Amino acid sequence: MNPNYMARVKEEIGKLLKVGFIRSVKQATWLSLIVVVPKKNGKIRVCVDYRKLNAVTITDAFPLPFIDSILDVVAGDMYSFLDGLSGYNQVCLHRDDQENTAFLTD
């Protein structure tokens, strides 16, 4: 990892642990690496590279339709999109799948 990011990654991981978005594990069956993405405002975004996990994952035979198709069916005269705080992290994973989302840091 880039030494310039180490302290900031540790701080970000600490925040995620504190609010319960992630948890520490002693052992995992699958590990992915993190990728640090600098933001325009100087902060960082800690991402997990799941490409190798995705390559061995069995895909769903009935994937979700495109959002445009859904909106055509459910939208009336007006609709809006709201970006909730940490909305992405509000999606719960099935307990059996959580072990596959482990990632490795320093």
N, C-alpha and C. Protein backbone atom coordinates (compact mmCIF):
# COMPACT_ATOMS: atom_id res chain seq x y z
N MET A 1 0.84 -1.18 0.00
CA MET A 1 0.00 0.00 0.00
C MET A 1 0.89 1.24 0.00
N ASN A 2 0.43 2.26 -0.67
CA ASN A 2 1.13 3.53 -0.70
C ASN A 2 1.29 4.04 0.74
N PRO A 3 2.52 4.29 1.19
CA PRO A 3 2.74 4.74 2.57
C PRO A 3 2.01 6.04 2.90
N ASN A 4 1.74 6.87 1.89
CA ASN A 4 1.02 8.13 2.13
C ASN A 4 -0.43 7.89 2.54
N TYR A 5 -0.97 6.72 2.22
CA TYR A 5 -2.37 6.43 2.52
C TYR A 5 -2.56 5.59 3.78
N MET A 6 -1.51 4.98 4.29
CA MET A 6 -1.66 4.01 5.39
C MET A 6 -2.44 4.54 6.58
N ALA A 7 -2.08 5.71 7.08
CA ALA A 7 -2.74 6.27 8.26
C ALA A 7 -4.20 6.59 7.95
N ARG A 8 -4.47 7.12 6.77
CA ARG A 8 -5.84 7.48 6.42
C ARG A 8 -6.70 6.24 6.20
N VAL A 9 -6.11 5.18 5.65
CA VAL A 9 -6.85 3.92 5.49
C VAL A 9 -7.18 3.34 6.86
N LYS A 10 -6.22 3.35 7.76
CA LYS A 10 -6.45 2.85 9.11
C LYS A 10 -7.58 3.63 9.79
N GLU A 11 -7.59 4.93 9.61
CA GLU A 11 -8.64 5.77 10.19
C GLU A 11 -10.01 5.43 9.58
N GLU A 12 -10.06 5.27 8.27
CA GLU A 12 -11.32 4.96 7.59
C GLU A 12 -11.84 3.58 8.01
N ILE A 13 -10.95 2.60 8.08
CA ILE A 13 -11.33 1.26 8.52
C ILE A 13 -11.85 1.32 9.96
N GLY A 14 -11.19 2.11 10.80
CA GLY A 14 -11.63 2.29 12.18
C GLY A 14 -13.05 2.85 12.26
N LYS A 15 -13.36 3.82 11.41
CA LYS A 15 -14.71 4.39 11.38
C LYS A 15 -15.74 3.34 10.99
N LEU A 16 -15.41 2.54 9.97
CA LEU A 16 -16.34 1.51 9.51
C LEU A 16 -16.56 0.43 10.57
N LEU A 17 -15.51 0.08 11.30
CA LEU A 17 -15.63 -0.88 12.40
C LEU A 17 -16.50 -0.31 13.51
N LYS A 18 -16.29 0.95 13.84
CA LYS A 18 -17.01 1.59 14.95
C LYS A 18 -18.51 1.65 14.72
N VAL A 19 -18.93 1.94 13.49
CA VAL A 19 -20.36 2.05 13.21
C VAL A 19 -20.99 0.71 12.84
N GLY A 20 -20.18 -0.34 12.73
CA GLY A 20 -20.71 -1.67 12.49
C GLY A 20 -20.93 -2.04 11.03
N PHE A 21 -20.38 -1.26 10.10
CA PHE A 21 -20.50 -1.60 8.68
C PHE A 21 -19.62 -2.80 8.34
N ILE A 22 -18.52 -2.97 9.06
CA ILE A 22 -17.64 -4.11 8.87
C ILE A 22 -17.30 -4.67 10.24
N ARG A 23 -16.77 -5.88 10.26
CA ARG A 23 -16.31 -6.48 11.52
C ARG A 23 -15.03 -7.25 11.25
N SER A 24 -14.26 -7.39 12.28
CA SER A 24 -13.00 -8.09 12.19
C SER A 24 -13.23 -9.60 12.26
N VAL A 25 -12.45 -10.36 11.48
CA VAL A 25 -12.53 -11.81 11.53
C VAL A 25 -11.12 -12.38 11.69
N LYS A 26 -11.03 -13.51 12.33
CA LYS A 26 -9.74 -14.16 12.54
C LYS A 26 -9.33 -15.01 11.34
N GLN A 27 -10.32 -15.58 10.65
CA GLN A 27 -10.05 -16.50 9.56
C GLN A 27 -11.12 -16.32 8.49
N ALA A 28 -10.72 -16.40 7.23
CA ALA A 28 -11.68 -16.25 6.14
C ALA A 28 -11.36 -17.26 5.04
N THR A 29 -12.38 -17.67 4.31
CA THR A 29 -12.18 -18.62 3.22
C THR A 29 -11.75 -17.91 1.94
N TRP A 30 -12.03 -16.62 1.85
CA TRP A 30 -11.71 -15.84 0.65
C TRP A 30 -11.26 -14.47 1.09
N LEU A 31 -10.20 -13.94 0.48
CA LEU A 31 -9.72 -12.60 0.80
C LEU A 31 -9.58 -11.78 -0.47
N SER A 32 -9.99 -10.53 -0.39
CA SER A 32 -9.82 -9.60 -1.50
C SER A 32 -8.95 -8.45 -1.02
N LEU A 33 -8.34 -7.78 -1.97
CA LEU A 33 -7.47 -6.65 -1.63
C LEU A 33 -8.26 -5.35 -1.67
N ILE A 34 -7.78 -4.36 -0.93
CA ILE A 34 -8.42 -3.05 -0.98
C ILE A 34 -7.72 -2.18 -2.01
N VAL A 35 -8.46 -1.22 -2.50
CA VAL A 35 -7.95 -0.24 -3.44
C VAL A 35 -8.29 1.13 -2.87
N VAL A 36 -7.30 1.99 -2.78
CA VAL A 36 -7.52 3.33 -2.25
C VAL A 36 -7.71 4.29 -3.42
N VAL A 37 -8.83 5.00 -3.41
CA VAL A 37 -9.14 5.94 -4.48
C VAL A 37 -9.17 7.35 -3.89
N PRO A 38 -8.28 8.25 -4.37
CA PRO A 38 -8.31 9.62 -3.86
C PRO A 38 -9.51 10.38 -4.41
N LYS A 39 -10.16 11.16 -3.54
CA LYS A 39 -11.29 12.00 -3.96
C LYS A 39 -10.78 13.39 -4.34
N LYS A 40 -11.61 14.15 -5.02
CA LYS A 40 -11.24 15.50 -5.43
C LYS A 40 -11.00 16.42 -4.24
N ASN A 41 -11.69 16.15 -3.12
CA ASN A 41 -11.56 17.01 -1.94
C ASN A 41 -10.36 16.65 -1.06
N GLY A 42 -9.51 15.73 -1.53
CA GLY A 42 -8.32 15.34 -0.78
C GLY A 42 -8.51 14.15 0.13
N LYS A 43 -9.76 13.75 0.38
CA LYS A 43 -10.02 12.58 1.21
C LYS A 43 -9.82 11.33 0.35
N ILE A 44 -9.98 10.18 0.97
CA ILE A 44 -9.83 8.92 0.24
C ILE A 44 -11.09 8.09 0.34
N ARG A 45 -11.26 7.19 -0.61
CA ARG A 45 -12.33 6.21 -0.56
C ARG A 45 -11.66 4.85 -0.56
N VAL A 46 -12.00 4.04 0.42
CA VAL A 46 -11.44 2.69 0.51
C VAL A 46 -12.42 1.74 -0.17
N CYS A 47 -11.97 1.10 -1.23
CA CYS A 47 -12.80 0.17 -2.00
C CYS A 47 -12.20 -1.23 -1.89
N VAL A 48 -13.02 -2.22 -2.16
CA VAL A 48 -12.55 -3.60 -2.17
C VAL A 48 -12.63 -4.12 -3.60
N ASP A 49 -11.57 -4.75 -4.06
CA ASP A 49 -11.50 -5.28 -5.42
C ASP A 49 -12.04 -6.71 -5.42
N TYR A 50 -13.30 -6.87 -5.80
CA TYR A 50 -13.95 -8.18 -5.81
C TYR A 50 -13.93 -8.84 -7.18
N ARG A 51 -13.08 -8.41 -8.10
CA ARG A 51 -13.08 -8.98 -9.45
C ARG A 51 -12.78 -10.48 -9.45
N LYS A 52 -11.83 -10.93 -8.65
CA LYS A 52 -11.50 -12.36 -8.62
C LYS A 52 -12.64 -13.17 -8.00
N LEU A 53 -13.28 -12.63 -6.98
CA LEU A 53 -14.45 -13.28 -6.38
C LEU A 53 -15.59 -13.35 -7.40
N ASN A 54 -15.82 -12.26 -8.11
CA ASN A 54 -16.88 -12.24 -9.12
C ASN A 54 -16.64 -13.27 -10.21
N ALA A 55 -15.37 -13.50 -10.54
CA ALA A 55 -15.04 -14.45 -11.61
C ALA A 55 -15.43 -15.89 -11.25
N VAL A 56 -15.47 -16.23 -9.97
CA VAL A 56 -15.81 -17.59 -9.56
C VAL A 56 -17.22 -17.69 -8.96
N THR A 57 -17.95 -16.60 -8.99
CA THR A 57 -19.30 -16.59 -8.44
C THR A 57 -20.30 -17.07 -9.50
N ILE A 58 -21.22 -17.92 -9.09
CA ILE A 58 -22.27 -18.38 -9.99
C ILE A 58 -23.29 -17.25 -10.12
N THR A 59 -23.56 -16.86 -11.36
CA THR A 59 -24.46 -15.74 -11.57
C THR A 59 -25.92 -16.16 -11.43
N ASP A 60 -26.74 -15.20 -11.10
CA ASP A 60 -28.17 -15.41 -10.93
C ASP A 60 -28.82 -15.61 -12.30
N ALA A 61 -29.65 -16.62 -12.42
CA ALA A 61 -30.32 -16.88 -13.69
C ALA A 61 -31.36 -15.81 -14.02
N PHE A 62 -31.81 -15.07 -13.01
CA PHE A 62 -32.81 -14.03 -13.19
C PHE A 62 -32.28 -12.71 -12.64
N PRO A 63 -31.40 -12.05 -13.36
CA PRO A 63 -30.83 -10.79 -12.86
C PRO A 63 -31.88 -9.69 -12.80
N LEU A 64 -31.60 -8.68 -12.00
CA LEU A 64 -32.52 -7.54 -11.90
C LEU A 64 -32.58 -6.79 -13.22
N PRO A 65 -33.74 -6.24 -13.56
CA PRO A 65 -33.82 -5.46 -14.79
C PRO A 65 -33.10 -4.12 -14.63
N PHE A 66 -32.86 -3.47 -15.75
CA PHE A 66 -32.24 -2.15 -15.71
C PHE A 66 -33.14 -1.18 -14.99
N ILE A 67 -32.55 -0.23 -14.28
CA ILE A 67 -33.31 0.74 -13.50
C ILE A 67 -34.30 1.51 -14.36
N ASP A 68 -33.95 1.78 -15.62
CA ASP A 68 -34.87 2.49 -16.52
C ASP A 68 -36.17 1.70 -16.72
N SER A 69 -36.05 0.39 -16.84
CA SER A 69 -37.23 -0.45 -17.02
C SER A 69 -38.11 -0.44 -15.78
N ILE A 70 -37.50 -0.47 -14.62
CA ILE A 70 -38.25 -0.44 -13.37
C ILE A 70 -38.98 0.90 -13.23
N LEU A 71 -38.28 1.99 -13.50
CA LEU A 71 -38.89 3.31 -13.36
C LEU A 71 -40.04 3.53 -14.32
N ASP A 72 -39.95 2.97 -15.52
CA ASP A 72 -41.04 3.09 -16.49
C ASP A 72 -42.32 2.46 -15.94
N VAL A 73 -42.18 1.39 -15.18
CA VAL A 73 -43.33 0.67 -14.65
C VAL A 73 -43.87 1.33 -13.38
N VAL A 74 -42.99 1.77 -12.48
CA VAL A 74 -43.45 2.24 -11.17
C VAL A 74 -43.61 3.74 -11.05
N ALA A 75 -43.03 4.51 -11.94
CA ALA A 75 -43.06 5.96 -11.80
C ALA A 75 -44.37 6.54 -12.32
N GLY A 76 -44.85 7.53 -11.61
CA GLY A 76 -46.02 8.27 -12.05
C GLY A 76 -45.56 9.51 -12.78
N ASP A 77 -46.14 10.64 -12.44
CA ASP A 77 -45.78 11.91 -13.08
C ASP A 77 -44.45 12.45 -12.58
N MET A 78 -44.06 12.06 -11.37
CA MET A 78 -42.86 12.65 -10.78
C MET A 78 -42.17 11.62 -9.88
N TYR A 79 -40.86 11.62 -9.89
CA TYR A 79 -40.09 10.80 -8.98
C TYR A 79 -38.74 11.45 -8.76
N SER A 80 -38.06 11.06 -7.69
CA SER A 80 -36.74 11.64 -7.40
C SER A 80 -35.83 10.55 -6.86
N PHE A 81 -34.56 10.83 -6.93
CA PHE A 81 -33.56 9.93 -6.39
C PHE A 81 -32.93 10.59 -5.19
N LEU A 82 -32.87 9.89 -4.07
CA LEU A 82 -32.25 10.42 -2.87
C LEU A 82 -31.03 9.58 -2.55
N ASP A 83 -29.96 10.23 -2.20
CA ASP A 83 -28.74 9.54 -1.84
C ASP A 83 -28.62 9.56 -0.32
N GLY A 84 -29.02 8.47 0.32
CA GLY A 84 -28.94 8.40 1.77
C GLY A 84 -27.49 8.29 2.23
N LEU A 85 -27.24 8.75 3.43
CA LEU A 85 -25.90 8.68 4.01
C LEU A 85 -25.45 7.23 4.08
N SER A 86 -24.37 6.93 3.44
CA SER A 86 -23.81 5.58 3.40
C SER A 86 -24.83 4.56 2.93
N GLY A 87 -25.61 4.93 1.96
CA GLY A 87 -26.68 4.06 1.47
C GLY A 87 -26.18 2.72 1.00
N TYR A 88 -25.01 2.69 0.38
CA TYR A 88 -24.46 1.44 -0.12
C TYR A 88 -24.24 0.45 1.02
N ASN A 89 -23.82 0.96 2.16
CA ASN A 89 -23.51 0.09 3.29
C ASN A 89 -24.76 -0.38 4.04
N GLN A 90 -25.93 0.02 3.61
CA GLN A 90 -27.15 -0.39 4.29
C GLN A 90 -27.73 -1.68 3.71
N VAL A 91 -27.06 -2.26 2.73
CA VAL A 91 -27.52 -3.51 2.14
C VAL A 91 -26.90 -4.65 2.93
N CYS A 92 -27.74 -5.46 3.56
CA CYS A 92 -27.24 -6.58 4.37
C CYS A 92 -26.98 -7.78 3.47
N LEU A 93 -25.90 -8.47 3.76
CA LEU A 93 -25.57 -9.70 3.05
C LEU A 93 -26.06 -10.89 3.85
N HIS A 94 -26.43 -11.94 3.13
CA HIS A 94 -26.82 -13.18 3.79
C HIS A 94 -25.63 -13.66 4.62
N ARG A 95 -25.88 -14.19 5.77
CA ARG A 95 -24.82 -14.64 6.69
C ARG A 95 -23.83 -15.58 6.02
N ASP A 96 -24.32 -16.49 5.18
CA ASP A 96 -23.44 -17.45 4.50
C ASP A 96 -22.50 -16.78 3.50
N ASP A 97 -22.90 -15.63 2.98
CA ASP A 97 -22.10 -14.93 1.97
C ASP A 97 -21.10 -13.95 2.57
N GLN A 98 -21.29 -13.60 3.83
CA GLN A 98 -20.43 -12.59 4.45
C GLN A 98 -18.97 -13.03 4.49
N GLU A 99 -18.71 -14.31 4.67
CA GLU A 99 -17.32 -14.78 4.77
C GLU A 99 -16.56 -14.58 3.45
N ASN A 100 -17.28 -14.49 2.34
CA ASN A 100 -16.62 -14.28 1.05
C ASN A 100 -16.23 -12.82 0.80
N THR A 101 -16.70 -11.92 1.62
CA THR A 101 -16.44 -10.50 1.39
C THR A 101 -15.31 -9.97 2.27
N ALA A 102 -14.55 -10.85 2.88
CA ALA A 102 -13.43 -10.42 3.71
C ALA A 102 -12.35 -9.74 2.85
N PHE A 103 -11.70 -8.77 3.44
CA PHE A 103 -10.62 -8.09 2.73
C PHE A 103 -9.41 -7.97 3.65
N LEU A 104 -8.28 -7.75 3.05
CA LEU A 104 -7.01 -7.74 3.75
C LEU A 104 -6.40 -6.33 3.76
N THR A 105 -5.94 -5.91 4.91
CA THR A 105 -5.25 -4.63 5.04
C THR A 105 -3.97 -4.84 5.85
N ASP A 106 -3.16 -3.79 5.89
CA ASP A 106 -1.96 -3.87 6.72
C ASP A 106 -2.36 -3.93 8.17
